[in-house]
Structure formats: C-alpha cells, structure tokens
Amino acid sequence: MFKKLFGKKKKTDEVVEAVEELVEEVAEPIVEEIVEPVVEEILVEPEVEVKAEAKKSWFKRLTQGLSKSNNNLVSGIGSIFTKRKLDDETLEELEDILIQADLGTETAIKICEGLAKTSYDKEIEPEEIRQLLNKEITEILEPVAKPLVIDASIKPYIILMTGVNGAGKTTTIGKMAQKFQAEGKKVMLAAGDTFRAAAVEQLAIWGDRAGVPVVTAPAGSDAASLAFEAIAKAREQNIDILLIDTAGRLQNRTELMDELEKIVRVIRKQDATAPHASLLVLDATTGQNAVNQAQIFAEKVDITGLVMTKLDGTAKGGILVAIAARFGLPVHYIGVGETIDDLEPFDAAEFANALTQINLQ
C-alpha cells in the first residue's frame, strides 16, 4: 500500500511541476502586458516639465530684457542703503533713483511713503529695500495685469491696434495673430497703415507666416474704407478675430488723431459695438513720452488695453509701473524681443521680480 501511495505521490509531483512550468510560460507575457500601461502613464510627466521649462525660459528672457533697468535700480539702492537707516535723507535719495528709473514722480512718492510707514528710522539692508519695493510694485501692477479675453459669441471680434511710428505695432499684430491661430481661432488681418507701403508688406509677411488672410489696399488709400471692407470680408469668411492695423501717428498731430476717430466711426457703421478692443502699443524706450501717448490716445479712442514692447532695449522698464499707476489701463502683453515667443501675457509678480531682481529662478 505504501508503495502504491508513494507511486501516486511521485505522479502528483510530476503533474505539479508540469503545471508550474506551464504557469511560468503563460505568466511571462501577462507581466509584459501589465507593465506597458504603467510606462505610458509615466511618459506624461515630461509634458509638464516642458511647460515648466518654457515658463522658466520666458522669465529668464524677461529678466535679461530688463537687465538695463534692474541693474540701475539695484546698484542705486545698494549705493544708498549700506548700514544706513531709512530716514528723510535716504528716502529722498531713493525717490530720485525711482524717478530716474522712470517709475514716475507720483509712483516714486507713493512707494517711499509705503516704505516709511513700515521701516522708518530702522537700519535697513539693500535686500530688504528691494523686497519692500517688490511688494509695492506688485500691488500697483496686479490690478492691471489682465489677459485679453475674446468673446467667442461675437464674430468677428474686432481689435483695433493703435500707436506711434516705431512702437512695434505691426510686429505685435503678427505675433498676436500667430498666437490666436495656434489656439484654433480663424484670424484675419487688415493692413490699415496705408501711408507706408513697407507696413503693408510687413503685415503681409506676418500673415503668410501665420497662414491667415490679409486685407490690403494700394498705398495712400482711405484707411477707414479699408477697415469697412475688412469687416465685410471677415463676416463672409466666418472669421473669429479681425486685427486692424492703423497708421503710426504722433500724438501731437491733430489731423492724424482726427483720422483715427474717423476709422472708429466707420467701423461702428458695420457694428455699433465695435471695435470690441482698442489696444495701444507703447515703446518702453520712449520713457515718459509713453505716458503722454497713453493720455492723448485715450482721449481720442476708447483705449481698452495696452501692449508694452521693447522692454529689452531700455533702462526705462519702470515706465510700465508709472503708466499702470496713473491710468489703470489693463496691460495684456509685454514684449522683450523680436520672436513670437518674446510676446507674452503680462504677469505682475514676474515683472516685479525681474525688475527688482527678487525671487530669481
């Protein structure tokens, strides 16, 4: 009996071993199938890293672009506040530095008053001053840091672009067109600067790059008539956004400013609610003159927002703070270079950090 039982046991062991081998063969591909989805989930992470890197890259370009402004500001503060108390004399010196940085007299006074309330008669280091200055500038800029919101229920959504010659208006239009196009919107451009053939050609190049149609007219044509025609074509083609360029004009040329008002009147014959956004493009290198431009253009056209360009070519980056404090107009975009990536939505904290060299990453 023991022999029979032993024989059965041996046979059973053989069966078990055979089953285990079969299980091992079958199990191998199952493990591979289970592992693959996990790898796919892990592969999602680099996309987040790319976005973070792009953000970091923009902040680096912004900081570099503002280097002339922030170097002057930081070195000036460092020369004053080295083992010194914040008193009337140092506050006056700081006020002068802020005015020289084109933050404007009113803004400089406001910032110094804010510093005096918290730190008067205290020994203070340059780093602390820059931290306090950063906080004051951020508080001024945050209310105006607003993205350009396109109302999708309005077609075409008409954006009128204004500004003086050389402000970078036509280039800004091209960059905005590419950004809107990348978002899946149908865009059309109207080359309303009919006084300069070069401006029409430049806009046509940007339109070609973005793959968007450009409405043009011969040099010297009536800009208001071109705008009227562009709106009609935009409706025919079911365009989402129509960007209308206008001739660069000096704010002190009455006849040119009157023509701008005419363009608006003609646009409103097509759409009483248009233009739905009127953006003023300002060149940061003009310093305090940009303040004058903002004031006079706002009197002639209902300016709804600002774009500040050429922040990379000036030691007067503080002018944006002065304009924000004085007019309270939304700042939609800022530019620090010539490529499309150098025009980005305005972020108050980023700008304040770059200007004061605080929280650099």
Protein backbone atom coordinates (compact mmCIF):
# COMPACT_ATOMS: atom_id res chain seq x y z
CA MET A 1 0.00 0.00 0.00
CA PHE A 2 2.86 2.34 0.91
CA LYS A 3 4.36 1.58 -2.48
CA LYS A 4 1.14 2.48 -4.24
CA LEU A 5 0.79 5.65 -2.26
CA PHE A 6 4.41 6.62 -2.97
CA GLY A 7 3.84 5.97 -6.66
CA LYS A 8 0.81 8.28 -6.64
CA LYS A 9 2.77 10.92 -4.80
CA LYS A 10 5.51 10.84 -7.45
CA LYS A 11 2.97 11.10 -10.19
CA THR A 12 1.32 14.02 -8.46
CA ASP A 13 4.67 15.80 -8.13
CA GLU A 14 5.24 15.43 -11.84
CA VAL A 15 1.84 16.94 -12.58
CA VAL A 16 2.51 19.83 -10.20
CA GLU A 17 5.88 20.52 -11.82
CA ALA A 18 4.31 20.44 -15.27
CA VAL A 19 1.60 22.86 -14.18
CA GLU A 20 4.17 25.21 -12.61
CA GLU A 21 6.18 25.25 -15.85
CA LEU A 22 3.02 25.99 -17.81
CA VAL A 23 2.11 28.81 -15.44
CA GLU A 24 5.60 30.33 -15.81
CA GLU A 25 5.32 30.27 -19.63
CA VAL A 26 1.88 31.87 -19.57
CA ALA A 27 2.78 34.38 -16.87
CA GLU A 28 5.64 35.99 -18.80
CA PRO A 29 3.57 37.77 -21.49
CA ILE A 30 0.97 38.74 -18.87
CA VAL A 31 3.62 40.60 -16.90
CA GLU A 32 4.71 42.42 -20.06
CA GLU A 33 1.14 43.48 -20.81
CA ILE A 34 0.68 44.84 -17.29
CA VAL A 35 3.92 46.83 -17.32
CA GLU A 36 3.28 48.72 -20.57
CA PRO A 37 0.36 50.92 -19.39
CA VAL A 38 2.39 51.96 -16.34
CA VAL A 39 5.18 53.15 -18.64
CA GLU A 40 2.67 55.14 -20.70
CA GLU A 41 1.40 56.91 -17.58
CA ILE A 42 4.94 57.86 -16.56
CA LEU A 43 5.60 59.31 -20.02
CA VAL A 44 3.02 62.06 -19.40
CA GLU A 45 5.33 63.81 -16.93
CA PRO A 46 7.80 65.29 -19.47
CA GLU A 47 4.97 67.43 -20.93
CA VAL A 48 4.60 69.13 -17.56
CA GLU A 49 8.37 69.56 -17.42
CA VAL A 50 8.39 71.14 -20.88
CA LYS A 51 5.74 73.68 -19.84
CA ALA A 52 7.64 74.49 -16.67
CA GLU A 53 10.86 74.87 -18.67
CA ALA A 54 9.12 77.18 -21.16
CA LYS A 55 7.85 79.32 -18.27
CA LYS A 56 11.34 79.43 -16.79
CA SER A 57 12.79 80.32 -20.18
CA TRP A 58 10.36 83.24 -20.56
CA PHE A 59 11.19 84.55 -17.08
CA LYS A 60 14.88 84.34 -17.91
CA ARG A 61 14.34 86.33 -21.11
CA LEU A 62 12.25 88.87 -19.21
CA THR A 63 14.95 89.27 -16.55
CA GLN A 64 17.63 89.63 -19.23
CA GLY A 65 15.45 92.05 -21.17
CA LEU A 66 15.03 94.24 -18.10
CA SER A 67 18.72 94.00 -17.19
CA LYS A 68 19.44 97.65 -18.00
CA SER A 69 16.56 98.75 -15.80
CA ASN A 70 17.12 96.38 -12.90
CA ASN A 71 20.91 96.86 -12.84
CA ASN A 72 20.50 100.61 -12.48
CA LEU A 73 17.82 100.17 -9.85
CA VAL A 74 19.67 97.54 -7.82
CA SER A 75 23.05 99.29 -7.95
CA GLY A 76 21.42 102.59 -6.97
CA ILE A 77 19.71 101.03 -3.97
CA GLY A 78 22.93 99.28 -2.98
CA SER A 79 24.86 102.56 -3.03
CA ILE A 80 22.39 104.19 -0.60
CA PHE A 81 21.44 101.51 1.88
CA THR A 82 24.70 100.15 3.22
CA LYS A 83 24.41 100.19 7.01
CA ARG A 84 22.17 103.24 6.95
CA LYS A 85 18.81 103.94 8.49
CA LEU A 86 15.72 104.72 6.47
CA ASP A 87 15.37 108.43 7.23
CA ASP A 88 14.34 111.57 5.33
CA GLU A 89 17.69 111.77 3.55
CA THR A 90 17.76 108.16 2.36
CA LEU A 91 14.09 108.33 1.35
CA GLU A 92 14.82 111.38 -0.77
CA GLU A 93 17.76 109.62 -2.43
CA LEU A 94 15.61 106.54 -3.08
CA GLU A 95 12.88 108.71 -4.58
CA ASP A 96 15.41 110.18 -7.02
CA ILE A 97 16.56 106.69 -8.06
CA LEU A 98 12.97 105.56 -8.68
CA ILE A 99 12.24 108.65 -10.76
CA GLN A 100 15.42 108.10 -12.80
CA ALA A 101 14.22 104.53 -13.41
CA ASP A 102 11.10 106.11 -14.96
CA LEU A 103 8.68 104.83 -12.36
CA GLY A 104 7.32 108.39 -12.33
CA THR A 105 7.17 111.03 -9.59
CA GLU A 106 3.75 110.02 -8.27
CA THR A 107 4.73 106.35 -8.11
CA ALA A 108 8.09 107.10 -6.51
CA ILE A 109 6.42 109.18 -3.79
CA LYS A 110 3.80 106.50 -3.17
CA ILE A 111 6.43 103.78 -2.84
CA CYS A 112 8.60 105.84 -0.49
CA GLU A 113 5.59 106.69 1.68
CA GLY A 114 4.77 102.99 1.90
CA LEU A 115 8.33 102.16 2.93
CA ALA A 116 8.36 104.94 5.53
CA LYS A 117 5.24 103.55 7.21
CA THR A 118 6.82 100.16 7.81
CA SER A 119 10.55 100.81 8.20
CA TYR A 120 11.22 104.46 9.08
CA ASP A 121 14.23 105.09 11.38
CA LYS A 122 15.30 101.45 11.11
CA GLU A 123 18.66 100.26 9.83
CA ILE A 124 17.87 98.51 6.61
CA GLU A 125 19.82 96.47 4.06
CA PRO A 126 19.57 96.80 0.25
CA GLU A 127 17.97 93.33 0.06
CA GLU A 128 15.19 94.44 2.42
CA ILE A 129 14.59 97.59 0.37
CA ARG A 130 14.30 95.53 -2.79
CA GLN A 131 11.86 93.16 -1.05
CA LEU A 132 9.70 96.09 0.07
CA LEU A 133 9.99 97.72 -3.35
CA ASN A 134 8.96 94.44 -4.98
CA LYS A 135 5.86 94.31 -2.80
CA GLU A 136 4.87 97.91 -3.62
CA ILE A 137 5.37 97.45 -7.38
CA THR A 138 3.40 94.18 -7.38
CA GLU A 139 0.49 95.90 -5.62
CA ILE A 140 0.47 98.62 -8.29
CA LEU A 141 0.67 96.19 -11.20
CA GLU A 142 -1.64 93.37 -10.11
CA PRO A 143 -4.91 95.28 -10.77
CA VAL A 144 -3.89 95.95 -14.40
CA ALA A 145 -2.44 92.52 -15.23
CA LYS A 146 -5.41 91.23 -17.20
CA PRO A 147 -5.42 88.81 -20.13
CA LEU A 148 -7.06 89.81 -23.39
CA VAL A 149 -10.36 87.91 -23.32
CA ILE A 150 -12.01 87.22 -26.68
CA ASP A 151 -15.79 86.97 -26.61
CA ALA A 152 -16.48 83.92 -28.78
CA SER A 153 -20.11 84.95 -29.23
CA ILE A 154 -19.01 87.96 -31.30
CA LYS A 155 -17.89 87.27 -34.88
CA PRO A 156 -15.73 88.84 -35.98
CA TYR A 157 -14.24 90.08 -32.72
CA ILE A 158 -12.65 93.32 -33.91
CA ILE A 159 -9.39 94.52 -32.36
CA LEU A 160 -8.14 97.98 -33.36
CA MET A 161 -4.39 98.46 -32.95
CA THR A 162 -3.01 101.97 -32.39
CA GLY A 163 0.31 103.59 -31.56
CA VAL A 164 3.03 105.90 -32.84
CA ASN A 165 5.53 105.05 -35.57
CA GLY A 166 8.22 102.63 -34.44
CA ALA A 167 6.38 101.32 -31.39
CA GLY A 168 6.32 97.79 -32.81
CA LYS A 169 2.62 97.81 -33.60
CA THR A 170 2.70 95.83 -36.86
CA THR A 171 5.06 93.22 -35.42
CA THR A 172 2.82 92.88 -32.35
CA ILE A 173 -0.20 92.28 -34.61
CA GLY A 174 1.68 89.50 -36.40
CA LYS A 175 2.67 87.83 -33.13
CA MET A 176 -0.88 88.06 -31.76
CA ALA A 177 -2.24 86.55 -34.99
CA GLN A 178 0.09 83.57 -34.66
CA LYS A 179 -0.92 83.05 -31.04
CA PHE A 180 -4.64 83.20 -31.85
CA GLN A 181 -4.15 80.89 -34.83
CA ALA A 182 -2.33 78.39 -32.61
CA GLU A 183 -5.37 78.42 -30.31
CA GLY A 184 -7.53 77.25 -33.20
CA LYS A 185 -9.16 80.60 -33.99
CA LYS A 186 -9.79 81.88 -37.52
CA VAL A 187 -7.92 85.15 -37.86
CA MET A 188 -7.84 87.93 -40.44
CA LEU A 189 -5.56 90.98 -40.64
CA ALA A 190 -6.36 94.38 -42.13
CA ALA A 191 -3.37 96.44 -43.28
CA GLY A 192 -4.80 99.81 -42.32
CA ASP A 193 -1.44 101.61 -42.35
CA THR A 194 -1.97 102.69 -45.93
CA PHE A 195 0.53 105.54 -45.64
CA ARG A 196 3.51 103.19 -45.54
CA ALA A 197 3.92 100.56 -48.23
CA ALA A 198 6.53 98.87 -46.02
CA ALA A 199 3.95 98.42 -43.27
CA VAL A 200 1.58 96.63 -45.65
CA GLU A 201 4.39 94.37 -46.86
CA GLN A 202 5.47 93.64 -43.29
CA LEU A 203 1.95 92.67 -42.24
CA ALA A 204 1.59 90.50 -45.35
CA ILE A 205 4.74 88.60 -44.31
CA TRP A 206 3.35 88.02 -40.82
CA GLY A 207 0.04 86.91 -42.33
CA ASP A 208 1.88 84.43 -44.53
CA ARG A 209 3.80 83.06 -41.54
CA ALA A 210 0.62 82.57 -39.55
CA GLY A 211 -1.36 81.32 -42.54
CA VAL A 212 -4.04 84.00 -42.18
CA PRO A 213 -5.61 86.25 -44.86
CA VAL A 214 -4.59 89.91 -45.03
CA VAL A 215 -6.86 92.62 -46.47
CA THR A 216 -4.80 95.29 -48.22
CA ALA A 217 -5.28 98.41 -50.36
CA PRO A 218 -2.94 100.50 -52.53
CA ALA A 219 -0.69 102.98 -50.75
CA GLY A 220 -2.49 106.21 -49.96
CA SER A 221 -5.94 104.60 -49.85
CA ASP A 222 -8.50 105.63 -47.27
CA ALA A 223 -7.84 103.60 -44.11
CA ALA A 224 -11.43 103.86 -42.90
CA SER A 225 -12.73 102.38 -46.17
CA LEU A 226 -10.25 99.51 -45.85
CA ALA A 227 -11.49 98.79 -42.32
CA PHE A 228 -15.09 98.76 -43.59
CA GLU A 229 -14.19 96.31 -46.38
CA ALA A 230 -12.22 94.07 -43.98
CA ILE A 231 -15.20 93.69 -41.63
CA ALA A 232 -17.42 92.68 -44.56
CA LYS A 233 -14.91 90.06 -45.72
CA ALA A 234 -14.43 88.76 -42.19
CA ARG A 235 -18.17 88.14 -41.93
CA GLU A 236 -18.26 86.38 -45.28
CA GLN A 237 -15.45 84.05 -44.23
CA ASN A 238 -16.80 83.44 -40.72
CA ILE A 239 -13.64 84.88 -39.12
CA ASP A 240 -13.31 84.75 -35.33
CA ILE A 241 -10.87 87.64 -34.84
CA LEU A 242 -10.12 90.62 -37.06
CA LEU A 243 -6.99 92.62 -36.20
CA ILE A 244 -6.95 96.08 -37.80
CA ASP A 245 -3.63 97.87 -38.12
CA THR A 246 -3.63 101.67 -38.27
CA ALA A 247 -1.04 104.19 -39.42
CA GLY A 248 1.51 105.15 -36.82
CA ARG A 249 0.75 108.67 -35.76
CA LEU A 250 2.31 111.15 -33.39
CA GLN A 251 0.05 112.04 -30.52
CA ASN A 252 0.61 115.76 -31.17
CA ARG A 253 -0.57 115.64 -34.80
CA THR A 254 -4.22 116.69 -34.55
CA GLU A 255 -5.18 115.81 -38.14
CA LEU A 256 -3.85 112.26 -37.80
CA MET A 257 -5.59 111.73 -34.48
CA ASP A 258 -8.83 113.00 -36.04
CA GLU A 259 -8.45 110.39 -38.79
CA LEU A 260 -8.24 107.70 -36.13
CA GLU A 261 -11.60 108.85 -34.80
CA LYS A 262 -12.96 108.60 -38.37
CA ILE A 263 -11.85 104.96 -38.60
CA VAL A 264 -13.74 104.18 -35.40
CA ARG A 265 -16.89 105.91 -36.71
CA VAL A 266 -16.78 103.90 -39.96
CA ILE A 267 -16.23 100.63 -38.08
CA ARG A 268 -19.32 101.35 -36.00
CA LYS A 269 -21.43 101.66 -39.14
CA GLN A 270 -20.78 97.92 -39.59
CA ASP A 271 -21.04 97.04 -35.89
CA ALA A 272 -22.25 99.56 -33.31
CA THR A 273 -20.40 97.70 -30.54
CA ALA A 274 -17.05 97.68 -32.35
CA PRO A 275 -14.15 97.88 -32.00
CA HIS A 276 -14.52 95.31 -29.25
CA ALA A 277 -10.97 96.00 -28.09
CA SER A 278 -8.77 99.01 -28.83
CA LEU A 279 -5.16 98.34 -27.92
CA LEU A 280 -2.41 100.93 -27.64
CA VAL A 281 1.10 99.67 -28.35
CA LEU A 282 3.74 101.58 -26.37
CA ASP A 283 7.50 101.54 -26.83
CA ALA A 284 9.23 101.30 -23.44
CA THR A 285 12.34 103.03 -24.79
CA THR A 286 10.43 106.32 -25.09
CA GLY A 287 10.20 106.60 -21.30
CA GLN A 288 7.99 109.43 -20.06
CA ASN A 289 6.82 110.16 -23.61
CA ALA A 290 4.88 106.87 -23.41
CA VAL A 291 2.85 108.42 -20.59
CA ASN A 292 1.90 111.34 -22.85
CA GLN A 293 0.95 108.94 -25.63
CA ALA A 294 -1.30 106.94 -23.33
CA GLN A 295 -3.09 110.09 -22.20
CA ILE A 296 -3.73 111.60 -25.65
CA PHE A 297 -4.66 108.35 -27.43
CA ALA A 298 -7.11 107.57 -24.61
CA GLU A 299 -8.78 110.93 -25.23
CA LYS A 300 -9.29 110.20 -28.94
CA VAL A 301 -10.05 106.49 -28.82
CA ASP A 302 -11.59 104.40 -26.09
CA ILE A 303 -8.38 102.51 -25.30
CA THR A 304 -9.27 99.23 -23.57
CA GLY A 305 -5.78 97.82 -23.02
CA LEU A 306 -2.05 98.19 -23.51
CA VAL A 307 0.83 96.26 -25.05
CA MET A 308 4.31 97.33 -23.91
CA THR A 309 7.12 96.48 -26.33
CA LYS A 310 10.93 96.77 -26.47
CA LEU A 311 11.49 96.25 -22.76
CA ASP A 312 14.74 94.55 -23.75
CA GLY A 313 16.22 97.69 -25.27
CA THR A 314 15.82 100.20 -22.48
CA ALA A 315 16.90 101.20 -18.98
CA LYS A 316 13.39 102.61 -18.54
CA GLY A 317 11.40 99.45 -17.77
CA GLY A 318 9.87 101.22 -14.78
CA ILE A 319 7.71 103.28 -17.15
CA LEU A 320 5.18 100.45 -17.17
CA VAL A 321 4.72 100.92 -13.42
CA ALA A 322 4.18 104.66 -13.88
CA ILE A 323 1.56 104.13 -16.59
CA ALA A 324 -0.24 101.47 -14.55
CA ALA A 325 -0.37 103.74 -11.50
CA ARG A 326 -1.61 106.75 -13.45
CA PHE A 327 -4.15 105.29 -15.89
CA GLY A 328 -5.12 101.90 -14.52
CA LEU A 329 -5.48 100.54 -18.07
CA PRO A 330 -5.26 96.75 -18.44
CA VAL A 331 -1.85 95.55 -19.63
CA HIS A 332 -2.43 92.50 -21.83
CA TYR A 333 1.01 91.73 -23.27
CA ILE A 334 4.65 92.71 -22.90
CA GLY A 335 7.46 92.16 -25.39
CA VAL A 336 11.17 91.64 -24.81
CA GLY A 337 12.36 90.69 -28.30
CA GLU A 338 11.54 90.08 -31.94
CA THR A 339 10.36 86.45 -31.98
CA ILE A 340 6.81 85.26 -31.31
CA ASP A 341 7.95 83.74 -28.01
CA ASP A 342 9.07 87.18 -26.84
CA LEU A 343 5.48 88.45 -26.58
CA GLU A 344 3.68 87.03 -23.55
CA PRO A 345 0.65 87.83 -21.37
CA PHE A 346 1.60 90.28 -18.64
CA ASP A 347 2.22 88.85 -15.17
CA ALA A 348 2.59 91.44 -12.38
CA ALA A 349 4.61 89.30 -9.96
CA GLU A 350 7.01 88.13 -12.68
CA PHE A 351 7.62 91.68 -13.84
CA ALA A 352 8.19 92.96 -10.30
CA ASN A 353 10.60 90.08 -9.59
CA ALA A 354 12.56 90.72 -12.79
CA LEU A 355 12.71 94.48 -12.20
CA THR A 356 13.88 94.23 -8.58
CA GLN A 357 15.91 91.03 -9.04
CA ILE A 358 13.95 89.21 -6.36
CA ASN A 359 12.92 85.51 -6.41
CA LEU A 360 15.07 84.82 -9.48
CA GLN A 361 14.87 81.18 -10.57
